[in-house]
Amino acid sequence: MNMNTFQTSDIGIAAYVMMQGLKLNQASRGGTGRFVFVFIDPNNKGNQYAVDYVNSESAKFDANMKNLKNILYKS
């Protein structure tokens, strides 16, 4: 059985594609310390969801969260 998958190391994209209905198949930390999220993507929509995320309010929210964390950790 051939299973189409979508993979990302960006947690924001991972959360967004989950919201779009892709099922998480595997989550791990790679040898470089980066996270790896692998989703079952039967209709090959993962890449489009990733582009949708970049253009969404969710991406703006995520960027603001990261900025606030940086402010807190540097003060």
N, C-alpha and C. Protein backbone atom coordinates (compact mmCIF):
# COMPACT_ATOMS: atom_id res chain seq x y z
N MET A 1 0.85 -1.18 0.00
CA MET A 1 0.00 0.00 0.00
C MET A 1 0.89 1.24 0.00
N ASN A 2 0.69 2.11 -0.95
CA ASN A 2 1.45 3.35 -1.05
C ASN A 2 0.71 4.44 -0.29
N MET A 3 1.39 5.01 0.72
CA MET A 3 0.77 6.03 1.53
C MET A 3 1.44 7.37 1.24
N ASN A 4 0.67 8.34 0.74
CA ASN A 4 1.19 9.68 0.52
C ASN A 4 1.36 10.37 1.86
N THR A 5 2.47 11.09 2.01
CA THR A 5 2.71 11.81 3.25
C THR A 5 3.13 13.24 2.97
N PHE A 6 2.99 14.07 3.98
CA PHE A 6 3.48 15.44 3.98
C PHE A 6 4.35 15.58 5.21
N GLN A 7 5.52 16.20 5.06
CA GLN A 7 6.48 16.32 6.16
C GLN A 7 6.88 17.78 6.33
N THR A 8 6.98 18.21 7.58
CA THR A 8 7.46 19.55 7.89
C THR A 8 8.18 19.54 9.23
N SER A 9 9.06 20.51 9.42
CA SER A 9 9.71 20.68 10.71
C SER A 9 9.20 21.96 11.40
N ASP A 10 8.28 22.65 10.77
CA ASP A 10 7.71 23.88 11.32
C ASP A 10 6.46 23.55 12.13
N ILE A 11 6.50 23.85 13.43
CA ILE A 11 5.38 23.48 14.29
C ILE A 11 4.11 24.25 13.94
N GLY A 12 4.25 25.49 13.47
CA GLY A 12 3.08 26.26 13.06
C GLY A 12 2.37 25.62 11.88
N ILE A 13 3.14 25.23 10.88
CA ILE A 13 2.57 24.55 9.71
C ILE A 13 1.97 23.22 10.14
N ALA A 14 2.66 22.51 11.02
CA ALA A 14 2.15 21.22 11.48
C ALA A 14 0.78 21.38 12.14
N ALA A 15 0.65 22.37 13.01
CA ALA A 15 -0.63 22.61 13.67
C ALA A 15 -1.70 22.98 12.66
N TYR A 16 -1.34 23.80 11.68
CA TYR A 16 -2.31 24.24 10.68
C TYR A 16 -2.80 23.08 9.82
N VAL A 17 -1.90 22.23 9.36
CA VAL A 17 -2.35 21.11 8.51
C VAL A 17 -3.19 20.13 9.32
N MET A 18 -2.92 20.04 10.62
CA MET A 18 -3.79 19.21 11.47
C MET A 18 -5.19 19.81 11.52
N MET A 19 -5.27 21.15 11.62
CA MET A 19 -6.57 21.82 11.64
C MET A 19 -7.31 21.60 10.32
N GLN A 20 -6.58 21.39 9.24
CA GLN A 20 -7.19 21.16 7.93
C GLN A 20 -7.59 19.70 7.74
N GLY A 21 -7.26 18.84 8.69
CA GLY A 21 -7.73 17.46 8.65
C GLY A 21 -6.69 16.39 8.36
N LEU A 22 -5.42 16.79 8.12
CA LEU A 22 -4.41 15.75 7.93
C LEU A 22 -4.12 15.08 9.26
N LYS A 23 -3.91 13.79 9.23
CA LYS A 23 -3.66 13.00 10.44
C LYS A 23 -2.16 12.85 10.67
N LEU A 24 -1.74 13.14 11.88
CA LEU A 24 -0.33 13.00 12.25
C LEU A 24 0.02 11.52 12.29
N ASN A 25 1.06 11.16 11.58
CA ASN A 25 1.51 9.77 11.52
C ASN A 25 2.74 9.56 12.39
N GLN A 26 3.59 10.59 12.47
CA GLN A 26 4.83 10.44 13.24
C GLN A 26 5.32 11.82 13.65
N ALA A 27 5.84 11.92 14.86
CA ALA A 27 6.49 13.14 15.34
C ALA A 27 7.77 12.71 16.05
N SER A 28 8.87 13.33 15.67
CA SER A 28 10.14 12.95 16.27
C SER A 28 11.10 14.13 16.22
N ARG A 29 12.23 13.95 16.83
CA ARG A 29 13.30 14.93 16.77
C ARG A 29 14.43 14.31 15.96
N GLY A 30 14.82 15.00 14.90
CA GLY A 30 15.87 14.50 14.03
C GLY A 30 17.24 14.61 14.67
N GLY A 31 18.24 14.11 13.97
CA GLY A 31 19.61 14.11 14.46
C GLY A 31 20.17 15.50 14.70
N THR A 32 19.63 16.50 14.00
CA THR A 32 20.10 17.87 14.18
C THR A 32 19.37 18.59 15.30
N GLY A 33 18.42 17.91 15.93
CA GLY A 33 17.63 18.52 16.99
C GLY A 33 16.33 19.13 16.51
N ARG A 34 16.16 19.21 15.20
CA ARG A 34 14.91 19.76 14.64
C ARG A 34 13.79 18.73 14.76
N PHE A 35 12.59 19.23 14.96
CA PHE A 35 11.43 18.36 14.99
C PHE A 35 11.07 17.95 13.57
N VAL A 36 10.47 16.79 13.44
CA VAL A 36 9.97 16.29 12.16
C VAL A 36 8.56 15.78 12.40
N PHE A 37 7.61 16.35 11.66
CA PHE A 37 6.22 15.93 11.72
C PHE A 37 5.85 15.33 10.37
N VAL A 38 5.32 14.11 10.39
CA VAL A 38 4.92 13.42 9.17
C VAL A 38 3.42 13.15 9.25
N PHE A 39 2.69 13.59 8.22
CA PHE A 39 1.25 13.46 8.17
C PHE A 39 0.83 12.54 7.04
N ILE A 40 -0.26 11.82 7.24
CA ILE A 40 -0.87 11.06 6.17
C ILE A 40 -1.60 12.07 5.29
N ASP A 41 -1.28 12.07 4.02
CA ASP A 41 -1.78 13.08 3.08
C ASP A 41 -2.33 12.39 1.83
N PRO A 42 -3.49 11.73 1.95
CA PRO A 42 -3.98 10.91 0.84
C PRO A 42 -4.29 11.69 -0.44
N ASN A 43 -4.60 12.98 -0.31
CA ASN A 43 -4.97 13.77 -1.49
C ASN A 43 -3.89 14.77 -1.89
N ASN A 44 -2.68 14.61 -1.34
CA ASN A 44 -1.55 15.49 -1.66
C ASN A 44 -1.88 16.97 -1.50
N LYS A 45 -2.50 17.31 -0.39
CA LYS A 45 -2.87 18.71 -0.14
C LYS A 45 -1.93 19.40 0.85
N GLY A 46 -0.98 18.69 1.42
CA GLY A 46 -0.10 19.24 2.44
C GLY A 46 0.65 20.48 1.98
N ASN A 47 1.23 20.43 0.78
CA ASN A 47 1.97 21.60 0.29
C ASN A 47 1.07 22.81 0.12
N GLN A 48 -0.15 22.59 -0.38
CA GLN A 48 -1.08 23.72 -0.53
C GLN A 48 -1.49 24.26 0.83
N TYR A 49 -1.71 23.38 1.81
CA TYR A 49 -2.04 23.83 3.15
C TYR A 49 -0.89 24.67 3.74
N ALA A 50 0.35 24.27 3.46
CA ALA A 50 1.50 25.02 3.95
C ALA A 50 1.51 26.44 3.37
N VAL A 51 1.19 26.55 2.08
CA VAL A 51 1.11 27.87 1.44
C VAL A 51 -0.06 28.67 2.03
N ASP A 52 -1.18 28.01 2.24
CA ASP A 52 -2.34 28.67 2.84
C ASP A 52 -1.98 29.21 4.22
N TYR A 53 -1.21 28.42 4.98
CA TYR A 53 -0.81 28.84 6.32
C TYR A 53 0.01 30.13 6.27
N VAL A 54 0.96 30.21 5.37
CA VAL A 54 1.83 31.39 5.26
C VAL A 54 0.99 32.65 5.02
N ASN A 55 -0.11 32.52 4.31
CA ASN A 55 -0.96 33.65 3.99
C ASN A 55 -2.12 33.84 4.97
N SER A 56 -2.11 33.13 6.08
CA SER A 56 -3.25 33.14 7.00
C SER A 56 -3.01 33.99 8.23
N GLU A 57 -4.09 34.25 8.93
CA GLU A 57 -4.01 34.93 10.23
C GLU A 57 -3.27 34.04 11.23
N SER A 58 -3.32 32.74 11.06
CA SER A 58 -2.62 31.83 11.96
C SER A 58 -1.12 32.08 11.94
N ALA A 59 -0.58 32.35 10.76
CA ALA A 59 0.86 32.62 10.65
C ALA A 59 1.22 33.92 11.35
N LYS A 60 0.36 34.92 11.23
CA LYS A 60 0.59 36.20 11.93
C LYS A 60 0.56 35.98 13.44
N PHE A 61 -0.40 35.21 13.90
CA PHE A 61 -0.51 34.89 15.33
C PHE A 61 0.76 34.19 15.81
N ASP A 62 1.20 33.19 15.06
CA ASP A 62 2.39 32.43 15.42
C ASP A 62 3.62 33.34 15.50
N ALA A 63 3.77 34.25 14.54
CA ALA A 63 4.91 35.17 14.53
C ALA A 63 4.87 36.08 15.75
N ASN A 64 3.69 36.56 16.09
CA ASN A 64 3.57 37.41 17.28
C ASN A 64 3.87 36.65 18.56
N MET A 65 3.46 35.41 18.63
CA MET A 65 3.78 34.57 19.80
C MET A 65 5.30 34.42 19.94
N LYS A 66 5.98 34.16 18.84
CA LYS A 66 7.44 34.00 18.88
C LYS A 66 8.11 35.30 19.31
N ASN A 67 7.62 36.43 18.81
CA ASN A 67 8.20 37.72 19.20
C ASN A 67 8.01 37.98 20.69
N LEU A 68 6.84 37.68 21.21
CA LEU A 68 6.58 37.88 22.64
C LEU A 68 7.49 36.98 23.49
N LYS A 69 7.67 35.74 23.07
CA LYS A 69 8.56 34.84 23.80
C LYS A 69 9.99 35.39 23.79
N ASN A 70 10.43 35.89 22.64
CA ASN A 70 11.78 36.47 22.56
C ASN A 70 11.94 37.63 23.52
N ILE A 71 10.93 38.47 23.61
CA ILE A 71 10.98 39.61 24.54
C ILE A 71 11.11 39.11 25.98
N LEU A 72 10.33 38.11 26.32
CA LEU A 72 10.35 37.59 27.69
C LEU A 72 11.68 36.94 28.03
N TYR A 73 12.23 36.18 27.10
CA TYR A 73 13.49 35.47 27.37
C TYR A 73 14.69 36.41 27.39
N LYS A 74 14.58 37.55 26.73
CA LYS A 74 15.71 38.50 26.70
C LYS A 74 15.64 39.56 27.78
N SER A 75 14.54 39.58 28.55
CA SER A 75 14.44 40.60 29.59
C SER A 75 14.83 40.08 30.95
